[in-house]
Amino acid sequence: MYAFKWTGEKTATKVELPDEQAAWSQAVITTGQMLRELDGAFPMNGALEVEVRDEAGQTVGWISVTSGKHPH
């Protein structure tokens, strides 16, 4: 069982996956899908993050997508 904690969510989503690599792949796929669903509406100075944890609560890894306006 792996837990996925997304930006702004109070609780993690738990998913039964066979191993760490499968959990990581799921995090990458889901992050990509979420960005596509925004259809160009990702806010300036926005952030989308997911942390992946294993059954023991140990962090497997995280993905962080941030945006910002370049200071001229």
N, C-alpha and C. Protein backbone atom coordinates (compact mmCIF):
# COMPACT_ATOMS: atom_id res chain seq x y z
N MET A 1 0.86 -1.18 0.00
CA MET A 1 0.00 0.00 0.00
C MET A 1 0.90 1.24 0.00
N TYR A 2 0.59 2.16 -0.90
CA TYR A 2 1.35 3.40 -1.00
C TYR A 2 0.38 4.57 -0.84
N ALA A 3 0.86 5.63 -0.22
CA ALA A 3 0.04 6.81 0.03
C ALA A 3 0.57 7.97 -0.80
N PHE A 4 -0.38 8.70 -1.43
CA PHE A 4 -0.07 9.84 -2.26
C PHE A 4 -0.71 11.07 -1.63
N LYS A 5 0.11 12.03 -1.22
CA LYS A 5 -0.39 13.25 -0.57
C LYS A 5 -0.17 14.40 -1.54
N TRP A 6 -1.29 14.97 -2.05
CA TRP A 6 -1.24 16.04 -3.04
C TRP A 6 -1.39 17.40 -2.37
N THR A 7 -0.87 18.43 -3.01
CA THR A 7 -1.00 19.81 -2.55
C THR A 7 -2.46 20.10 -2.22
N GLY A 8 -2.69 20.63 -1.05
CA GLY A 8 -4.02 21.06 -0.67
C GLY A 8 -4.93 19.97 -0.11
N GLU A 9 -4.54 18.71 -0.22
CA GLU A 9 -5.37 17.63 0.32
C GLU A 9 -5.04 17.43 1.79
N LYS A 10 -6.08 17.23 2.59
CA LYS A 10 -5.87 17.00 4.02
C LYS A 10 -5.46 15.56 4.30
N THR A 11 -5.95 14.63 3.49
CA THR A 11 -5.62 13.22 3.69
C THR A 11 -4.97 12.67 2.43
N ALA A 12 -4.18 11.64 2.62
CA ALA A 12 -3.50 10.99 1.52
C ALA A 12 -4.43 9.99 0.84
N THR A 13 -4.19 9.78 -0.44
CA THR A 13 -4.90 8.76 -1.20
C THR A 13 -4.05 7.50 -1.13
N LYS A 14 -4.63 6.39 -0.69
CA LYS A 14 -3.89 5.13 -0.58
C LYS A 14 -4.24 4.22 -1.74
N VAL A 15 -3.19 3.63 -2.30
CA VAL A 15 -3.35 2.77 -3.47
C VAL A 15 -2.53 1.51 -3.26
N GLU A 16 -3.13 0.37 -3.59
CA GLU A 16 -2.42 -0.91 -3.53
C GLU A 16 -1.61 -1.06 -4.81
N LEU A 17 -0.29 -1.08 -4.67
CA LEU A 17 0.61 -1.23 -5.81
C LEU A 17 1.68 -2.26 -5.43
N PRO A 18 2.25 -2.96 -6.41
CA PRO A 18 3.17 -4.05 -6.12
C PRO A 18 4.52 -3.65 -5.53
N ASP A 19 5.01 -2.46 -5.90
CA ASP A 19 6.34 -2.08 -5.41
C ASP A 19 6.57 -0.58 -5.56
N GLU A 20 7.75 -0.16 -5.09
CA GLU A 20 8.11 1.26 -5.11
C GLU A 20 8.14 1.83 -6.52
N GLN A 21 8.65 1.07 -7.47
CA GLN A 21 8.72 1.55 -8.85
C GLN A 21 7.33 1.78 -9.42
N ALA A 22 6.40 0.91 -9.12
CA ALA A 22 5.02 1.08 -9.59
C ALA A 22 4.39 2.31 -8.95
N ALA A 23 4.69 2.55 -7.67
CA ALA A 23 4.16 3.73 -6.98
C ALA A 23 4.73 5.00 -7.61
N TRP A 24 6.02 4.99 -7.90
CA TRP A 24 6.65 6.15 -8.50
C TRP A 24 6.07 6.42 -9.89
N SER A 25 5.92 5.37 -10.68
CA SER A 25 5.34 5.51 -12.02
C SER A 25 3.93 6.09 -11.94
N GLN A 26 3.16 5.63 -10.98
CA GLN A 26 1.80 6.14 -10.81
C GLN A 26 1.82 7.62 -10.46
N ALA A 27 2.76 8.04 -9.62
CA ALA A 27 2.87 9.46 -9.26
C ALA A 27 3.20 10.30 -10.49
N VAL A 28 4.11 9.84 -11.32
CA VAL A 28 4.50 10.57 -12.53
C VAL A 28 3.32 10.66 -13.50
N ILE A 29 2.66 9.54 -13.73
CA ILE A 29 1.52 9.52 -14.65
C ILE A 29 0.41 10.45 -14.17
N THR A 30 0.08 10.36 -12.89
CA THR A 30 -1.01 11.16 -12.35
C THR A 30 -0.67 12.65 -12.38
N THR A 31 0.57 13.00 -12.08
CA THR A 31 0.99 14.40 -12.15
C THR A 31 0.82 14.93 -13.57
N GLY A 32 1.25 14.16 -14.55
CA GLY A 32 1.10 14.56 -15.95
C GLY A 32 -0.36 14.74 -16.33
N GLN A 33 -1.20 13.82 -15.88
CA GLN A 33 -2.63 13.92 -16.19
C GLN A 33 -3.23 15.18 -15.57
N MET A 34 -2.85 15.46 -14.34
CA MET A 34 -3.39 16.65 -13.67
C MET A 34 -2.98 17.92 -14.41
N LEU A 35 -1.74 17.99 -14.86
CA LEU A 35 -1.29 19.17 -15.60
C LEU A 35 -2.03 19.30 -16.93
N ARG A 36 -2.24 18.18 -17.62
CA ARG A 36 -2.99 18.23 -18.89
C ARG A 36 -4.42 18.69 -18.66
N GLU A 37 -5.04 18.22 -17.59
CA GLU A 37 -6.43 18.60 -17.30
C GLU A 37 -6.58 20.09 -16.99
N LEU A 38 -5.51 20.74 -16.56
CA LEU A 38 -5.57 22.18 -16.32
C LEU A 38 -5.70 22.95 -17.63
N ASP A 39 -5.35 22.32 -18.73
CA ASP A 39 -5.51 22.88 -20.07
C ASP A 39 -4.94 24.29 -20.18
N GLY A 40 -3.74 24.46 -19.69
CA GLY A 40 -3.07 25.76 -19.78
C GLY A 40 -3.41 26.73 -18.67
N ALA A 41 -4.21 26.30 -17.71
CA ALA A 41 -4.66 27.20 -16.64
C ALA A 41 -3.84 27.08 -15.36
N PHE A 42 -2.63 26.53 -15.45
CA PHE A 42 -1.77 26.46 -14.26
C PHE A 42 -1.42 27.89 -13.87
N PRO A 43 -1.67 28.28 -12.63
CA PRO A 43 -1.50 29.68 -12.26
C PRO A 43 -0.03 30.12 -12.19
N MET A 44 0.18 31.39 -12.51
CA MET A 44 1.51 31.98 -12.33
C MET A 44 1.76 31.96 -10.82
N ASN A 45 2.95 31.63 -10.41
CA ASN A 45 3.29 31.47 -9.00
C ASN A 45 2.49 30.34 -8.37
N GLY A 46 2.21 29.29 -9.14
CA GLY A 46 1.46 28.13 -8.65
C GLY A 46 2.39 27.00 -8.24
N ALA A 47 1.81 26.01 -7.60
CA ALA A 47 2.58 24.83 -7.20
C ALA A 47 1.67 23.61 -7.19
N LEU A 48 2.22 22.51 -7.64
CA LEU A 48 1.55 21.23 -7.58
C LEU A 48 2.59 20.26 -7.04
N GLU A 49 2.29 19.61 -5.95
CA GLU A 49 3.25 18.69 -5.34
C GLU A 49 2.56 17.41 -4.92
N VAL A 50 3.30 16.32 -5.00
CA VAL A 50 2.84 15.04 -4.48
C VAL A 50 4.01 14.39 -3.74
N GLU A 51 3.69 13.82 -2.60
CA GLU A 51 4.67 13.05 -1.84
C GLU A 51 4.18 11.61 -1.81
N VAL A 52 5.07 10.68 -2.09
CA VAL A 52 4.73 9.26 -2.10
C VAL A 52 5.38 8.60 -0.89
N ARG A 53 4.55 7.89 -0.12
CA ARG A 53 5.05 7.18 1.08
C ARG A 53 4.70 5.70 0.99
N ASP A 54 5.56 4.89 1.58
CA ASP A 54 5.31 3.45 1.61
C ASP A 54 4.45 3.08 2.82
N GLU A 55 4.21 1.79 3.01
CA GLU A 55 3.36 1.32 4.11
C GLU A 55 3.88 1.72 5.48
N ALA A 56 5.19 1.84 5.60
CA ALA A 56 5.82 2.20 6.88
C ALA A 56 5.79 3.71 7.11
N GLY A 57 5.28 4.46 6.13
CA GLY A 57 5.22 5.91 6.27
C GLY A 57 6.49 6.61 5.82
N GLN A 58 7.41 5.85 5.23
CA GLN A 58 8.67 6.43 4.76
C GLN A 58 8.46 7.05 3.38
N THR A 59 9.04 8.23 3.17
CA THR A 59 8.92 8.90 1.89
C THR A 59 9.72 8.16 0.83
N VAL A 60 9.05 7.78 -0.24
CA VAL A 60 9.68 7.13 -1.38
C VAL A 60 10.28 8.21 -2.28
N GLY A 61 9.54 9.28 -2.47
CA GLY A 61 9.98 10.39 -3.30
C GLY A 61 8.89 11.42 -3.41
N TRP A 62 9.17 12.50 -4.13
CA TRP A 62 8.16 13.54 -4.32
C TRP A 62 8.38 14.19 -5.67
N ILE A 63 7.31 14.77 -6.16
CA ILE A 63 7.35 15.54 -7.40
C ILE A 63 6.82 16.92 -7.05
N SER A 64 7.53 17.93 -7.53
CA SER A 64 7.13 19.30 -7.28
C SER A 64 7.19 20.07 -8.60
N VAL A 65 6.05 20.67 -8.97
CA VAL A 65 5.98 21.50 -10.18
C VAL A 65 5.62 22.90 -9.68
N THR A 66 6.46 23.86 -9.98
CA THR A 66 6.21 25.24 -9.56
C THR A 66 6.32 26.18 -10.75
N SER A 67 5.67 27.31 -10.62
CA SER A 67 5.78 28.32 -11.67
C SER A 67 5.96 29.67 -11.02
N GLY A 68 6.51 30.58 -11.77
CA GLY A 68 6.71 31.93 -11.26
C GLY A 68 6.96 32.88 -12.41
N LYS A 69 6.80 34.13 -12.12
CA LYS A 69 7.04 35.17 -13.12
C LYS A 69 8.47 35.65 -12.96
N HIS A 70 9.15 35.72 -14.06
CA HIS A 70 10.54 36.16 -14.04
C HIS A 70 10.58 37.65 -13.72
N PRO A 71 11.38 38.04 -12.71
CA PRO A 71 11.49 39.47 -12.39
C PRO A 71 12.37 40.17 -13.44
N HIS A 72 11.82 41.07 -14.15
CA HIS A 72 12.55 41.77 -15.21
C HIS A 72 13.49 42.77 -14.66
